[in-house]
Amino acid sequence: MIQVNLDVMLAKRKMSSGELAKKVGMTNANISVLKTGKAKAVRFSTLNEICKVLECQPGDILAYLEEESF
């Protein structure tokens, strides 16, 4: 499972979702979808812009977690 830690990076950078959306050229709704982990895909160009604005690495935003089997 991929965990999205965008909210953590936004908090560390003291930046709002709206400010990030504006700087990256996305809508607030699309940032929200990404932030909540509901996005099905992320373009590398979008990830690149987010990392540039937040001055971070992709691994700071996305993490792989093994799913527990029941």
PDB file of N, CA and C in Angstrom:
ATOM      1  N   MET A   1       0.846  -1.168   0.000  1.00  0.00           N
ATOM      2  CA  MET A   1       0.000   0.000   0.000  1.00  0.00           C
ATOM      3  C   MET A   1       0.897   1.239   0.000  1.00  0.00           C
ATOM      4  N   ILE A   2       0.525   2.221  -0.769  1.00  0.00           N
ATOM      5  CA  ILE A   2       1.261   3.481  -0.807  1.00  0.00           C
ATOM      6  C   ILE A   2       0.588   4.470   0.130  1.00  0.00           C
ATOM      7  N   GLN A   3       1.362   5.018   1.037  1.00  0.00           N
ATOM      8  CA  GLN A   3       0.870   6.024   1.975  1.00  0.00           C
ATOM      9  C   GLN A   3       1.340   7.392   1.494  1.00  0.00           C
ATOM     10  N   VAL A   4       0.437   8.361   1.467  1.00  0.00           N
ATOM     11  CA  VAL A   4       0.765   9.721   1.041  1.00  0.00           C
ATOM     12  C   VAL A   4       0.954  10.577   2.288  1.00  0.00           C
ATOM     13  N   ASN A   5       2.135  11.171   2.400  1.00  0.00           N
ATOM     14  CA  ASN A   5       2.473  12.006   3.564  1.00  0.00           C
ATOM     15  C   ASN A   5       2.559  13.483   3.187  1.00  0.00           C
ATOM     16  N   LEU A   6       1.762  13.890   2.219  1.00  0.00           N
ATOM     17  CA  LEU A   6       1.801  15.271   1.757  1.00  0.00           C
ATOM     18  C   LEU A   6       1.421  16.242   2.864  1.00  0.00           C
ATOM     19  N   ASP A   7       0.450  15.872   3.682  1.00  0.00           N
ATOM     20  CA  ASP A   7       0.037  16.746   4.780  1.00  0.00           C
ATOM     21  C   ASP A   7       1.166  16.974   5.777  1.00  0.00           C
ATOM     22  N   VAL A   8       1.999  15.960   5.989  1.00  0.00           N
ATOM     23  CA  VAL A   8       3.143  16.087   6.896  1.00  0.00           C
ATOM     24  C   VAL A   8       4.148  17.089   6.331  1.00  0.00           C
ATOM     25  N   MET A   9       4.439  16.973   5.027  1.00  0.00           N
ATOM     26  CA  MET A   9       5.397  17.897   4.407  1.00  0.00           C
ATOM     27  C   MET A   9       4.853  19.319   4.371  1.00  0.00           C
ATOM     28  N   LEU A  10       3.567  19.460   4.143  1.00  0.00           N
ATOM     29  CA  LEU A  10       2.969  20.794   4.173  1.00  0.00           C
ATOM     30  C   LEU A  10       3.103  21.413   5.563  1.00  0.00           C
ATOM     31  N   ALA A  11       2.872  20.630   6.587  1.00  0.00           N
ATOM     32  CA  ALA A  11       3.000  21.124   7.961  1.00  0.00           C
ATOM     33  C   ALA A  11       4.450  21.511   8.262  1.00  0.00           C
ATOM     34  N   LYS A  12       5.397  20.675   7.821  1.00  0.00           N
ATOM     35  CA  LYS A  12       6.818  20.972   8.057  1.00  0.00           C
ATOM     36  C   LYS A  12       7.240  22.261   7.375  1.00  0.00           C
ATOM     37  N   ARG A  13       6.643  22.536   6.213  1.00  0.00           N
ATOM     38  CA  ARG A  13       6.992  23.741   5.451  1.00  0.00           C
ATOM     39  C   ARG A  13       6.088  24.924   5.784  1.00  0.00           C
ATOM     40  N   LYS A  14       5.147  24.683   6.713  1.00  0.00           N
ATOM     41  CA  LYS A  14       4.187  25.716   7.119  1.00  0.00           C
ATOM     42  C   LYS A  14       3.496  26.326   5.898  1.00  0.00           C
ATOM     43  N   MET A  15       2.984  25.436   5.040  1.00  0.00           N
ATOM     44  CA  MET A  15       2.334  25.841   3.806  1.00  0.00           C
ATOM     45  C   MET A  15       0.938  25.229   3.763  1.00  0.00           C
ATOM     46  N   SER A  16      -0.008  25.978   3.256  1.00  0.00           N
ATOM     47  CA  SER A  16      -1.372  25.465   3.124  1.00  0.00           C
ATOM     48  C   SER A  16      -1.518  24.692   1.820  1.00  0.00           C
ATOM     49  N   SER A  17      -2.552  23.882   1.752  1.00  0.00           N
ATOM     50  CA  SER A  17      -2.847  23.145   0.524  1.00  0.00           C
ATOM     51  C   SER A  17      -3.126  24.106  -0.617  1.00  0.00           C
ATOM     52  N   GLY A  18      -3.835  25.178  -0.318  1.00  0.00           N
ATOM     53  CA  GLY A  18      -4.159  26.175  -1.333  1.00  0.00           C
ATOM     54  C   GLY A  18      -2.921  26.847  -1.901  1.00  0.00           C
ATOM     55  N   GLU A  19      -1.977  27.151  -1.033  1.00  0.00           N
ATOM     56  CA  GLU A  19      -0.726  27.771  -1.475  1.00  0.00           C
ATOM     57  C   GLU A  19       0.069  26.813  -2.362  1.00  0.00           C
ATOM     58  N   LEU A  20       0.116  25.539  -1.961  1.00  0.00           N
ATOM     59  CA  LEU A  20       0.807  24.537  -2.772  1.00  0.00           C
ATOM     60  C   LEU A  20       0.128  24.401  -4.128  1.00  0.00           C
ATOM     61  N   ALA A  21      -1.193  24.319  -4.126  1.00  0.00           N
ATOM     62  CA  ALA A  21      -1.944  24.182  -5.376  1.00  0.00           C
ATOM     63  C   ALA A  21      -1.616  25.321  -6.330  1.00  0.00           C
ATOM     64  N   LYS A  22      -1.580  26.522  -5.810  1.00  0.00           N
ATOM     65  CA  LYS A  22      -1.290  27.701  -6.623  1.00  0.00           C
ATOM     66  C   LYS A  22       0.121  27.640  -7.200  1.00  0.00           C
ATOM     67  N   LYS A  23       1.090  27.279  -6.375  1.00  0.00           N
ATOM     68  CA  LYS A  23       2.487  27.241  -6.819  1.00  0.00           C
ATOM     69  C   LYS A  23       2.759  26.111  -7.803  1.00  0.00           C
ATOM     70  N   VAL A  24       2.013  25.006  -7.673  1.00  0.00           N
ATOM     71  CA  VAL A  24       2.221  23.842  -8.527  1.00  0.00           C
ATOM     72  C   VAL A  24       1.366  23.926  -9.791  1.00  0.00           C
ATOM     73  N   GLY A  25       0.295  24.715  -9.740  1.00  0.00           N
ATOM     74  CA  GLY A  25      -0.595  24.828 -10.889  1.00  0.00           C
ATOM     75  C   GLY A  25      -1.669  23.757 -10.910  1.00  0.00           C
ATOM     76  N   MET A  26      -2.110  23.362  -9.729  1.00  0.00           N
ATOM     77  CA  MET A  26      -3.175  22.367  -9.595  1.00  0.00           C
ATOM     78  C   MET A  26      -4.371  23.020  -8.918  1.00  0.00           C
ATOM     79  N   THR A  27      -5.500  22.340  -8.978  1.00  0.00           N
ATOM     80  CA  THR A  27      -6.665  22.829  -8.247  1.00  0.00           C
ATOM     81  C   THR A  27      -6.579  22.375  -6.793  1.00  0.00           C
ATOM     82  N   ASN A  28      -7.286  23.090  -5.936  1.00  0.00           N
ATOM     83  CA  ASN A  28      -7.337  22.691  -4.525  1.00  0.00           C
ATOM     84  C   ASN A  28      -7.941  21.297  -4.394  1.00  0.00           C
ATOM     85  N   ALA A  29      -8.922  21.002  -5.243  1.00  0.00           N
ATOM     86  CA  ALA A  29      -9.574  19.688  -5.193  1.00  0.00           C
ATOM     87  C   ALA A  29      -8.585  18.574  -5.520  1.00  0.00           C
ATOM     88  N   ASN A  30      -7.735  18.778  -6.512  1.00  0.00           N
ATOM     89  CA  ASN A  30      -6.762  17.747  -6.877  1.00  0.00           C
ATOM     90  C   ASN A  30      -5.703  17.565  -5.794  1.00  0.00           C
ATOM     91  N   ILE A  31      -5.298  18.636  -5.153  1.00  0.00           N
ATOM     92  CA  ILE A  31      -4.355  18.523  -4.029  1.00  0.00           C
ATOM     93  C   ILE A  31      -5.018  17.736  -2.908  1.00  0.00           C
ATOM     94  N   SER A  32      -6.290  17.999  -2.659  1.00  0.00           N
ATOM     95  CA  SER A  32      -7.027  17.288  -1.614  1.00  0.00           C
ATOM     96  C   SER A  32      -7.111  15.794  -1.909  1.00  0.00           C
ATOM     97  N   VAL A  33      -7.390  15.442  -3.163  1.00  0.00           N
ATOM     98  CA  VAL A  33      -7.465  14.035  -3.559  1.00  0.00           C
ATOM     99  C   VAL A  33      -6.123  13.356  -3.331  1.00  0.00           C
ATOM    100  N   LEU A  34      -5.058  14.037  -3.681  1.00  0.00           N
ATOM    101  CA  LEU A  34      -3.718  13.486  -3.486  1.00  0.00           C
ATOM    102  C   LEU A  34      -3.398  13.365  -1.997  1.00  0.00           C
ATOM    103  N   LYS A  35      -3.703  14.412  -1.250  1.00  0.00           N
ATOM    104  CA  LYS A  35      -3.410  14.447   0.188  1.00  0.00           C
ATOM    105  C   LYS A  35      -4.122  13.347   0.962  1.00  0.00           C
ATOM    106  N   THR A  36      -5.335  13.035   0.574  1.00  0.00           N
ATOM    107  CA  THR A  36      -6.118  12.028   1.290  1.00  0.00           C
ATOM    108  C   THR A  36      -5.806  10.605   0.834  1.00  0.00           C
ATOM    109  N   GLY A  37      -4.950  10.470  -0.169  1.00  0.00           N
ATOM    110  CA  GLY A  37      -4.574   9.151  -0.651  1.00  0.00           C
ATOM    111  C   GLY A  37      -5.590   8.534  -1.583  1.00  0.00           C
ATOM    112  N   LYS A  38      -6.537   9.330  -2.073  1.00  0.00           N
ATOM    113  CA  LYS A  38      -7.581   8.815  -2.954  1.00  0.00           C
ATOM    114  C   LYS A  38      -7.181   8.857  -4.428  1.00  0.00           C
ATOM    115  N   ALA A  39      -6.024   9.445  -4.731  1.00  0.00           N
ATOM    116  CA  ALA A  39      -5.564   9.525  -6.124  1.00  0.00           C
ATOM    117  C   ALA A  39      -5.174   8.131  -6.606  1.00  0.00           C
ATOM    118  N   LYS A  40      -5.528   7.811  -7.828  1.00  0.00           N
ATOM    119  CA  LYS A  40      -5.183   6.515  -8.428  1.00  0.00           C
ATOM    120  C   LYS A  40      -3.804   6.567  -9.083  1.00  0.00           C
ATOM    121  N   ALA A  41      -3.341   7.773  -9.429  1.00  0.00           N
ATOM    122  CA  ALA A  41      -2.050   7.929 -10.103  1.00  0.00           C
ATOM    123  C   ALA A  41      -1.538   9.349  -9.881  1.00  0.00           C
ATOM    124  N   VAL A  42      -0.235   9.505 -10.025  1.00  0.00           N
ATOM    125  CA  VAL A  42       0.397  10.822  -9.943  1.00  0.00           C
ATOM    126  C   VAL A  42       1.398  10.906 -11.084  1.00  0.00           C
ATOM    127  N   ARG A  43       1.304  11.941 -11.880  1.00  0.00           N
ATOM    128  CA  ARG A  43       2.273  12.133 -12.956  1.00  0.00           C
ATOM    129  C   ARG A  43       3.621  12.522 -12.356  1.00  0.00           C
ATOM    130  N   PHE A  44       4.682  12.037 -13.002  1.00  0.00           N
ATOM    131  CA  PHE A  44       6.013  12.397 -12.533  1.00  0.00           C
ATOM    132  C   PHE A  44       6.225  13.902 -12.601  1.00  0.00           C
ATOM    133  N   SER A  45       5.653  14.549 -13.603  1.00  0.00           N
ATOM    134  CA  SER A  45       5.810  16.003 -13.720  1.00  0.00           C
ATOM    135  C   SER A  45       5.144  16.712 -12.532  1.00  0.00           C
ATOM    136  N   THR A  46       4.017  16.193 -12.074  1.00  0.00           N
ATOM    137  CA  THR A  46       3.338  16.765 -10.906  1.00  0.00           C
ATOM    138  C   THR A  46       4.151  16.520  -9.646  1.00  0.00           C
ATOM    139  N   LEU A  47       4.640  15.296  -9.493  1.00  0.00           N
ATOM    140  CA  LEU A  47       5.479  14.963  -8.340  1.00  0.00           C
ATOM    141  C   LEU A  47       6.735  15.820  -8.329  1.00  0.00           C
ATOM    142  N   ASN A  48       7.301  16.043  -9.504  1.00  0.00           N
ATOM    143  CA  ASN A  48       8.484  16.885  -9.635  1.00  0.00           C
ATOM    144  C   ASN A  48       8.206  18.309  -9.140  1.00  0.00           C
ATOM    145  N   GLU A  49       7.080  18.873  -9.560  1.00  0.00           N
ATOM    146  CA  GLU A  49       6.742  20.239  -9.153  1.00  0.00           C
ATOM    147  C   GLU A  49       6.473  20.330  -7.657  1.00  0.00           C
ATOM    148  N   ILE A  50       5.782  19.334  -7.110  1.00  0.00           N
ATOM    149  CA  ILE A  50       5.506  19.321  -5.671  1.00  0.00           C
ATOM    150  C   ILE A  50       6.822  19.258  -4.894  1.00  0.00           C
ATOM    151  N   CYS A  51       7.725  18.393  -5.327  1.00  0.00           N
ATOM    152  CA  CYS A  51       9.023  18.272  -4.646  1.00  0.00           C
ATOM    153  C   CYS A  51       9.842  19.559  -4.769  1.00  0.00           C
ATOM    154  N   LYS A  52       9.749  20.198  -5.921  1.00  0.00           N
ATOM    155  CA  LYS A  52      10.484  21.454  -6.115  1.00  0.00           C
ATOM    156  C   LYS A  52       9.965  22.527  -5.162  1.00  0.00           C
ATOM    157  N   VAL A  53       8.644  22.669  -5.084  1.00  0.00           N
ATOM    158  CA  VAL A  53       8.035  23.689  -4.226  1.00  0.00           C
ATOM    159  C   VAL A  53       8.289  23.397  -2.746  1.00  0.00           C
ATOM    160  N   LEU A  54       8.176  22.126  -2.356  1.00  0.00           N
ATOM    161  CA  LEU A  54       8.347  21.763  -0.941  1.00  0.00           C
ATOM    162  C   LEU A  54       9.801  21.486  -0.567  1.00  0.00           C
ATOM    163  N   GLU A  55      10.683  21.536  -1.578  1.00  0.00           N
ATOM    164  CA  GLU A  55      12.111  21.274  -1.357  1.00  0.00           C
ATOM    165  C   GLU A  55      12.296  19.953  -0.613  1.00  0.00           C
ATOM    166  N   CYS A  56      11.785  18.884  -1.237  1.00  0.00           N
ATOM    167  CA  CYS A  56      11.869  17.564  -0.626  1.00  0.00           C
ATOM    168  C   CYS A  56      12.092  16.508  -1.691  1.00  0.00           C
ATOM    169  N   GLN A  57      12.196  15.274  -1.268  1.00  0.00           N
ATOM    170  CA  GLN A  57      12.359  14.129  -2.154  1.00  0.00           C
ATOM    171  C   GLN A  57      11.014  13.401  -2.270  1.00  0.00           C
ATOM    172  N   PRO A  58      10.800  12.652  -3.375  1.00  0.00           N
ATOM    173  CA  PRO A  58       9.551  11.897  -3.504  1.00  0.00           C
ATOM    174  C   PRO A  58       9.281  10.972  -2.305  1.00  0.00           C
ATOM    175  N   GLY A  59      10.329  10.407  -1.736  1.00  0.00           N
ATOM    176  CA  GLY A  59      10.187   9.536  -0.573  1.00  0.00           C
ATOM    177  C   GLY A  59       9.712  10.258   0.677  1.00  0.00           C
ATOM    178  N   ASP A  60       9.814  11.587   0.680  1.00  0.00           N
ATOM    179  CA  ASP A  60       9.281  12.361   1.800  1.00  0.00           C
ATOM    180  C   ASP A  60       7.761  12.466   1.717  1.00  0.00           C
ATOM    181  N   ILE A  61       7.228  12.253   0.519  1.00  0.00           N
ATOM    182  CA  ILE A  61       5.797  12.393   0.280  1.00  0.00           C
ATOM    183  C   ILE A  61       5.101  11.037   0.178  1.00  0.00           C
ATOM    184  N   LEU A  62       5.780  10.057  -0.431  1.00  0.00           N
ATOM    185  CA  LEU A  62       5.195   8.746  -0.658  1.00  0.00           C
ATOM    186  C   LEU A  62       5.978   7.673   0.086  1.00  0.00           C
ATOM    187  N   ALA A  63       5.274   6.751   0.709  1.00  0.00           N
ATOM    188  CA  ALA A  63       5.919   5.649   1.425  1.00  0.00           C
ATOM    189  C   ALA A  63       5.185   4.347   1.098  1.00  0.00           C
ATOM    190  N   TYR A  64       5.940   3.269   0.981  1.00  0.00           N
ATOM    191  CA  TYR A  64       5.352   1.952   0.750  1.00  0.00           C
ATOM    192  C   TYR A  64       5.207   1.235   2.085  1.00  0.00           C
ATOM    193  N   LEU A  65       4.006   0.753   2.366  1.00  0.00           N
ATOM    194  CA  LEU A  65       3.746  -0.026   3.572  1.00  0.00           C
ATOM    195  C   LEU A  65       3.179  -1.373   3.147  1.00  0.00           C
ATOM    196  N   GLU A  66       3.714  -2.432   3.701  1.00  0.00           N
ATOM    197  CA  GLU A  66       3.177  -3.754   3.386  1.00  0.00           C
ATOM    198  C   GLU A  66       1.792  -3.879   4.008  1.00  0.00           C
ATOM    199  N   GLU A  67       0.885  -4.442   3.240  1.00  0.00           N
ATOM    200  CA  GLU A  67      -0.458  -4.675   3.739  1.00  0.00           C
ATOM    201  C   GLU A  67      -0.451  -5.949   4.564  1.00  0.00           C
ATOM    202  N   GLU A  68      -1.135  -5.893   5.679  1.00  0.00           N
ATOM    203  CA  GLU A  68      -1.234  -7.087   6.522  1.00  0.00           C
ATOM    204  C   GLU A  68      -2.247  -8.028   5.913  1.00  0.00           C
ATOM    205  N   SER A  69      -1.905  -9.300   5.838  1.00  0.00           N
ATOM    206  CA  SER A  69      -2.869 -10.278   5.325  1.00  0.00           C
ATOM    207  C   SER A  69      -3.672 -10.853   6.473  1.00  0.00           C
ATOM    208  N   PHE A  70      -4.930 -11.058   6.206  1.00  0.00           N
ATOM    209  CA  PHE A  70      -5.843 -11.570   7.242  1.00  0.00           C
ATOM    210  C   PHE A  70      -6.151 -13.006   6.997  1.00  0.00           C
TER     211      PHE A  70
END
